[in-house]
Amino acid sequence: MSTPCILCCAITGSVPTKANNPAVPTTVAEQIESSHAAVEAGASIIHAHVRNDDETPSSDPEKFARLKEGLEKHCPGVIVQFSTGGRSGAGKSRGGMLSLRPDMASLSVGSNNFPTRVYENAPDLVDWLASEMRTFEINPEVEAFDLSHILQAIRRHEVGDLYGNLYVQFVMGVKNAMPVDREVFDFYVQTMKQRAPEANWCAAGVGAGQLTVNEWAIAAGGHTRAGLEDNVRIDKDNLAPSNAALIARAAELCEKYERPVATPAQAREILGLRAAP
């Protein structure tokens, strides 16, 4: 299998703090440094959230602007992907940073349960976020927490709601949502192949499922995500020393399955993104 594998690094997220793992980068400076190391380890996409000074989630466009500027300076060519996730804000504040024109942005197209709350993505908000991404020419990465989200993504792309090429990420292992299940994963892959054969897909596993889903995705010819947002441990007994360590582990799996790790330039070509600034 010679198709390059795109490795996405989810560097921070909205939940883990330094109390969970001191390596979690929460300031913009820490995020830039951590991203640089992850890119050197093989990441070609940086999936980015920002935090307030007290480590709580933020949707502050100024923080996103400083992070984007730093990533473009210190990680030339890397694909910058902003999160529009619901833990960072409410309503249209979730997309307030899209005018900064990152290469990509996450987009959830349906609601589901999270560990202690409903992750709500009302149709009108999804419509607005998708419209903003079209306006600013941002490719969505659709985060699919169950099958209906995959089918919604395919439908929305077919009718022109989503800018650019379709890219769907299966998210598995969130408590009260889709578990890490091989039969379900295989069905997701088959669904994409049958219903959207020109699209690319990625898979992310949360917690102890990260390594398992990384391997499934790489072996199946897809792309994958790793990082401290989803998993703060390198194994059950030890904290991950860095985002780079989790990306390096995924890169080792690429070698096992004889897949080259995509460079940022290759990832841009595979996903049909505009040239790096």
Protein backbone atom coordinates (compact mmCIF):
# COMPACT_ATOMS: atom_id res chain seq x y z
CA MET A 1 0.00 0.00 0.00
CA SER A 2 1.70 3.17 -1.20
CA THR A 3 -0.91 5.88 -0.51
CA PRO A 4 0.62 8.40 1.90
CA CYS A 5 -1.09 8.56 5.28
CA ILE A 6 -2.05 11.96 6.64
CA LEU A 7 -1.36 12.28 10.37
CA CYS A 8 -3.41 14.91 12.17
CA CYS A 9 -2.26 16.07 15.59
CA ALA A 10 -5.00 17.21 17.98
CA ILE A 11 -2.71 19.20 20.23
CA THR A 12 -4.91 20.54 23.04
CA GLY A 13 -8.68 20.08 22.84
CA SER A 14 -11.06 21.54 25.40
CA VAL A 15 -10.92 19.00 28.21
CA PRO A 16 -7.43 17.83 29.31
CA THR A 17 -5.45 20.15 31.55
CA LYS A 18 -1.95 20.18 32.93
CA ALA A 19 -3.34 18.43 35.99
CA ASN A 20 -4.10 15.49 33.71
CA ASN A 21 -0.76 15.70 31.92
CA PRO A 22 1.78 18.53 32.26
CA ALA A 23 2.61 18.15 28.56
CA VAL A 24 -0.80 19.45 27.44
CA PRO A 25 -0.02 22.78 25.69
CA THR A 26 -2.51 25.42 26.81
CA THR A 27 -0.86 28.75 25.98
CA VAL A 28 -0.37 29.85 22.40
CA ALA A 29 3.43 29.72 22.80
CA GLU A 30 3.25 26.17 24.15
CA GLN A 31 0.93 25.15 21.34
CA ILE A 32 3.30 26.45 18.67
CA GLU A 33 6.26 24.66 20.25
CA SER A 34 4.33 21.41 20.67
CA SER A 35 3.04 21.60 17.10
CA HIS A 36 6.54 22.12 15.73
CA ALA A 37 7.73 18.93 17.42
CA ALA A 38 4.66 17.04 16.20
CA VAL A 39 5.26 18.16 12.62
CA GLU A 40 8.85 16.98 12.85
CA ALA A 41 7.47 13.61 14.02
CA GLY A 42 5.18 13.36 10.99
CA ALA A 43 2.04 15.47 11.52
CA SER A 44 0.81 17.40 8.51
CA ILE A 45 -2.41 18.77 10.07
CA ILE A 46 -2.60 20.64 13.36
CA HIS A 47 -6.10 20.50 14.86
CA ALA A 48 -6.27 23.53 17.12
CA HIS A 49 -8.31 24.71 20.09
CA VAL A 50 -7.33 27.67 22.28
CA ARG A 51 -7.60 28.17 26.03
CA ASN A 52 -8.06 30.99 28.49
CA ASP A 53 -5.34 31.75 31.03
CA ASP A 54 -7.07 29.47 33.55
CA GLU A 55 -7.00 26.59 30.98
CA THR A 56 -10.76 26.74 30.34
CA PRO A 57 -11.86 26.52 26.69
CA SER A 58 -11.98 29.69 24.62
CA SER A 59 -13.25 30.74 21.21
CA ASP A 60 -11.33 34.05 21.24
CA PRO A 61 -10.45 34.95 17.62
CA GLU A 62 -7.40 36.91 18.80
CA LYS A 63 -5.90 33.78 20.34
CA PHE A 64 -6.64 31.80 17.18
CA ALA A 65 -5.01 34.55 15.12
CA ARG A 66 -1.81 34.44 17.16
CA LEU A 67 -1.75 30.64 16.96
CA LYS A 68 -2.27 30.62 13.20
CA GLU A 69 0.47 33.22 12.71
CA GLY A 70 2.88 31.19 14.85
CA LEU A 71 2.10 27.90 13.12
CA GLU A 72 2.60 29.42 9.68
CA LYS A 73 5.92 30.93 10.79
CA HIS A 74 7.39 27.99 12.70
CA CYS A 75 5.75 25.05 10.85
CA PRO A 76 5.89 26.18 7.20
CA GLY A 77 3.31 24.49 5.02
CA VAL A 78 1.48 22.71 7.84
CA ILE A 79 -2.30 22.50 7.44
CA VAL A 80 -3.99 24.65 10.09
CA GLN A 81 -7.35 23.27 11.19
CA PHE A 82 -9.45 25.23 13.68
CA SER A 83 -12.02 23.56 15.91
CA THR A 84 -15.60 24.86 15.89
CA GLY A 85 -16.52 22.39 18.64
CA GLY A 86 -19.24 23.07 21.15
CA ARG A 87 -17.15 23.00 24.31
CA SER A 88 -15.35 26.20 23.30
CA GLY A 89 -18.39 28.42 22.98
CA ALA A 90 -22.07 28.65 22.16
CA GLY A 91 -23.92 29.56 18.99
CA LYS A 92 -22.12 31.60 16.38
CA SER A 93 -19.17 32.28 18.70
CA ARG A 94 -18.05 28.77 17.74
CA GLY A 95 -17.26 30.09 14.26
CA GLY A 96 -16.07 33.57 15.15
CA MET A 97 -12.51 32.74 14.10
CA LEU A 98 -13.37 31.45 10.61
CA SER A 99 -12.75 34.87 9.06
CA LEU A 100 -9.05 34.16 9.73
CA ARG A 101 -9.26 31.66 6.85
CA PRO A 102 -7.53 28.58 8.24
CA ASP A 103 -6.97 25.81 5.71
CA MET A 104 -9.57 23.60 7.39
CA ALA A 105 -12.05 23.63 10.26
CA SER A 106 -13.85 20.87 12.09
CA LEU A 107 -17.59 20.65 11.53
CA SER A 108 -20.06 18.50 13.45
CA VAL A 109 -23.24 17.97 11.43
CA GLY A 110 -25.41 16.35 14.11
CA SER A 111 -25.92 16.06 17.85
CA ASN A 112 -25.02 13.21 20.19
CA ASN A 113 -24.34 12.43 23.83
CA PHE A 114 -21.01 13.21 25.45
CA PRO A 115 -19.95 11.88 28.88
CA THR A 116 -21.96 14.40 30.93
CA ARG A 117 -23.85 16.53 28.39
CA VAL A 118 -25.54 16.63 25.03
CA TYR A 119 -23.20 17.80 22.28
CA GLU A 120 -25.78 19.94 20.50
CA ASN A 121 -25.40 20.86 16.85
CA ALA A 122 -28.71 22.31 15.75
CA PRO A 123 -29.39 22.29 11.99
CA ASP A 124 -29.45 26.10 11.72
CA LEU A 125 -26.06 26.39 13.42
CA VAL A 126 -24.60 23.67 11.20
CA ASP A 127 -25.98 25.53 8.17
CA TRP A 128 -24.36 28.78 9.34
CA LEU A 129 -20.98 27.22 10.09
CA ALA A 130 -20.96 25.49 6.70
CA SER A 131 -21.90 28.78 5.03
CA GLU A 132 -19.06 30.63 6.78
CA MET A 133 -16.64 27.94 5.63
CA ARG A 134 -17.83 28.38 2.05
CA THR A 135 -17.51 32.17 2.32
CA PHE A 136 -13.92 31.97 3.54
CA GLU A 137 -12.98 28.95 1.39
CA ILE A 138 -12.27 26.65 4.32
CA ASN A 139 -12.40 22.89 3.82
CA PRO A 140 -14.48 21.21 6.55
CA GLU A 141 -13.34 18.10 8.33
CA VAL A 142 -16.67 16.54 9.28
CA GLU A 143 -16.38 14.94 12.72
CA ALA A 144 -18.71 11.93 12.70
CA PHE A 145 -19.71 10.57 16.09
CA ASP A 146 -22.22 8.12 14.62
CA LEU A 147 -23.46 6.79 11.28
CA SER A 148 -26.06 9.50 10.75
CA HIS A 149 -23.29 12.11 10.75
CA ILE A 150 -21.50 10.31 7.93
CA LEU A 151 -24.69 10.14 5.88
CA GLN A 152 -25.43 13.81 6.61
CA ALA A 153 -21.93 14.78 5.49
CA ILE A 154 -22.32 12.91 2.21
CA ARG A 155 -25.74 14.46 1.58
CA ARG A 156 -24.58 17.98 2.42
CA HIS A 157 -21.60 17.64 0.14
CA GLU A 158 -23.74 16.34 -2.71
CA VAL A 159 -26.03 19.39 -2.54
CA GLY A 160 -23.14 21.85 -2.29
CA ASP A 161 -23.38 22.81 1.38
CA LEU A 162 -19.74 21.90 2.10
CA TYR A 163 -16.80 23.72 0.57
CA GLY A 164 -14.11 21.74 -1.25
CA ASN A 165 -13.59 18.01 -1.22
CA LEU A 166 -15.41 15.81 1.28
CA TYR A 167 -13.32 14.71 4.26
CA VAL A 168 -14.94 12.73 7.07
CA GLN A 169 -13.38 11.76 10.38
CA PHE A 170 -14.81 8.87 12.40
CA VAL A 171 -14.57 9.65 16.12
CA MET A 172 -14.73 6.52 18.27
CA GLY A 173 -14.40 6.00 21.99
CA VAL A 174 -16.28 9.00 23.43
CA LYS A 175 -18.29 7.78 26.41
CA ASN A 176 -22.03 7.59 25.58
CA ALA A 177 -21.29 7.95 21.85
CA MET A 178 -19.79 5.41 19.43
CA PRO A 179 -17.39 2.96 21.13
CA VAL A 180 -14.24 1.58 19.57
CA ASP A 181 -15.87 -1.27 17.67
CA ARG A 182 -14.22 -3.05 14.73
CA GLU A 183 -17.44 -4.08 13.01
CA VAL A 184 -18.74 -0.52 13.15
CA PHE A 185 -15.41 0.84 11.90
CA ASP A 186 -15.43 -1.55 8.95
CA PHE A 187 -19.02 -0.55 8.15
CA TYR A 188 -18.06 3.13 8.25
CA VAL A 189 -15.23 2.49 5.79
CA GLN A 190 -17.49 0.51 3.49
CA THR A 191 -20.14 3.22 3.66
CA MET A 192 -17.63 5.83 2.54
CA LYS A 193 -16.36 3.62 -0.28
CA GLN A 194 -19.85 2.87 -1.56
CA ARG A 195 -21.53 6.25 -1.13
CA ALA A 196 -18.64 8.71 -1.52
CA PRO A 197 -15.85 6.87 -3.34
CA GLU A 198 -13.97 10.06 -4.23
CA ALA A 199 -13.86 11.28 -0.62
CA ASN A 200 -11.07 10.85 1.89
CA TRP A 201 -11.63 9.70 5.46
CA CYS A 202 -9.79 9.75 8.75
CA ALA A 203 -10.32 8.04 12.10
CA ALA A 204 -9.65 9.11 15.67
CA GLY A 205 -9.82 7.02 18.84
CA VAL A 206 -10.32 8.57 22.26
CA GLY A 207 -8.46 7.45 25.37
CA ALA A 208 -7.19 3.89 25.36
CA GLY A 209 -8.74 3.44 21.92
CA GLN A 210 -6.39 5.87 20.21
CA LEU A 211 -3.68 3.39 19.28
CA THR A 212 -6.24 0.77 18.19
CA VAL A 213 -8.06 3.18 15.87
CA ASN A 214 -4.76 4.53 14.55
CA GLU A 215 -3.80 1.03 13.47
CA TRP A 216 -7.21 0.20 11.99
CA ALA A 217 -7.21 3.39 9.91
CA ILE A 218 -3.65 3.03 8.66
CA ALA A 219 -4.15 -0.63 7.76
CA ALA A 220 -7.40 0.16 5.93
CA GLY A 221 -5.86 2.86 3.75
CA GLY A 222 -7.33 5.89 5.52
CA HIS A 223 -5.80 8.71 7.50
CA THR A 224 -5.65 9.09 11.27
CA ARG A 225 -5.44 11.46 14.21
CA ALA A 226 -3.46 11.35 17.43
CA GLY A 227 -2.60 13.82 20.16
CA LEU A 228 -3.13 14.91 23.73
CA GLU A 229 -6.65 16.21 23.06
CA ASP A 230 -7.87 12.64 22.73
CA ASN A 231 -5.46 10.70 24.92
CA VAL A 232 -3.00 11.82 27.59
CA ARG A 233 -1.25 8.44 27.97
CA ILE A 234 1.37 6.62 25.93
CA ASP A 235 0.30 3.37 27.62
CA LYS A 236 -1.91 2.43 30.56
CA ASP A 237 0.84 3.10 33.10
CA ASN A 238 2.56 6.17 31.68
CA LEU A 239 1.61 9.66 30.57
CA ALA A 240 2.53 10.65 27.03
CA PRO A 241 5.60 12.90 27.16
CA SER A 242 4.39 15.03 24.24
CA ASN A 243 2.13 15.30 21.24
CA ALA A 244 5.15 14.36 19.15
CA ALA A 245 5.41 11.01 20.94
CA LEU A 246 1.85 10.09 20.00
CA ILE A 247 2.41 11.14 16.38
CA ALA A 248 5.69 9.21 16.25
CA ARG A 249 3.83 6.11 17.41
CA ALA A 250 1.35 6.50 14.56
CA ALA A 251 4.22 7.03 12.13
CA GLU A 252 5.70 3.72 13.27
CA LEU A 253 2.42 2.04 12.36
CA CYS A 254 2.64 3.62 8.90
CA GLU A 255 6.02 1.95 8.50
CA LYS A 256 4.56 -1.37 9.68
CA TYR A 257 1.90 -1.21 6.96
CA GLU A 258 4.33 0.13 4.34
CA ARG A 259 2.61 3.48 3.99
CA PRO A 260 4.67 6.64 3.71
CA VAL A 261 3.77 9.44 6.10
CA ALA A 262 2.33 12.32 4.09
CA THR A 263 4.25 15.57 4.08
CA PRO A 264 2.20 18.75 4.48
CA ALA A 265 2.53 19.36 0.73
CA GLN A 266 1.32 15.84 -0.06
CA ALA A 267 -1.54 16.19 2.40
CA ARG A 268 -2.62 19.43 0.72
CA GLU A 269 -2.63 17.67 -2.64
CA ILE A 270 -4.56 14.64 -1.34
CA LEU A 271 -7.21 16.85 0.28
CA GLY A 272 -7.39 19.37 -2.54
CA LEU A 273 -6.39 22.33 -0.37
CA ARG A 274 -5.00 25.64 -1.56
CA ALA A 275 -1.25 26.18 -1.55
CA ALA A 276 0.42 27.07 1.72
CA PRO A 277 0.74 30.80 2.47
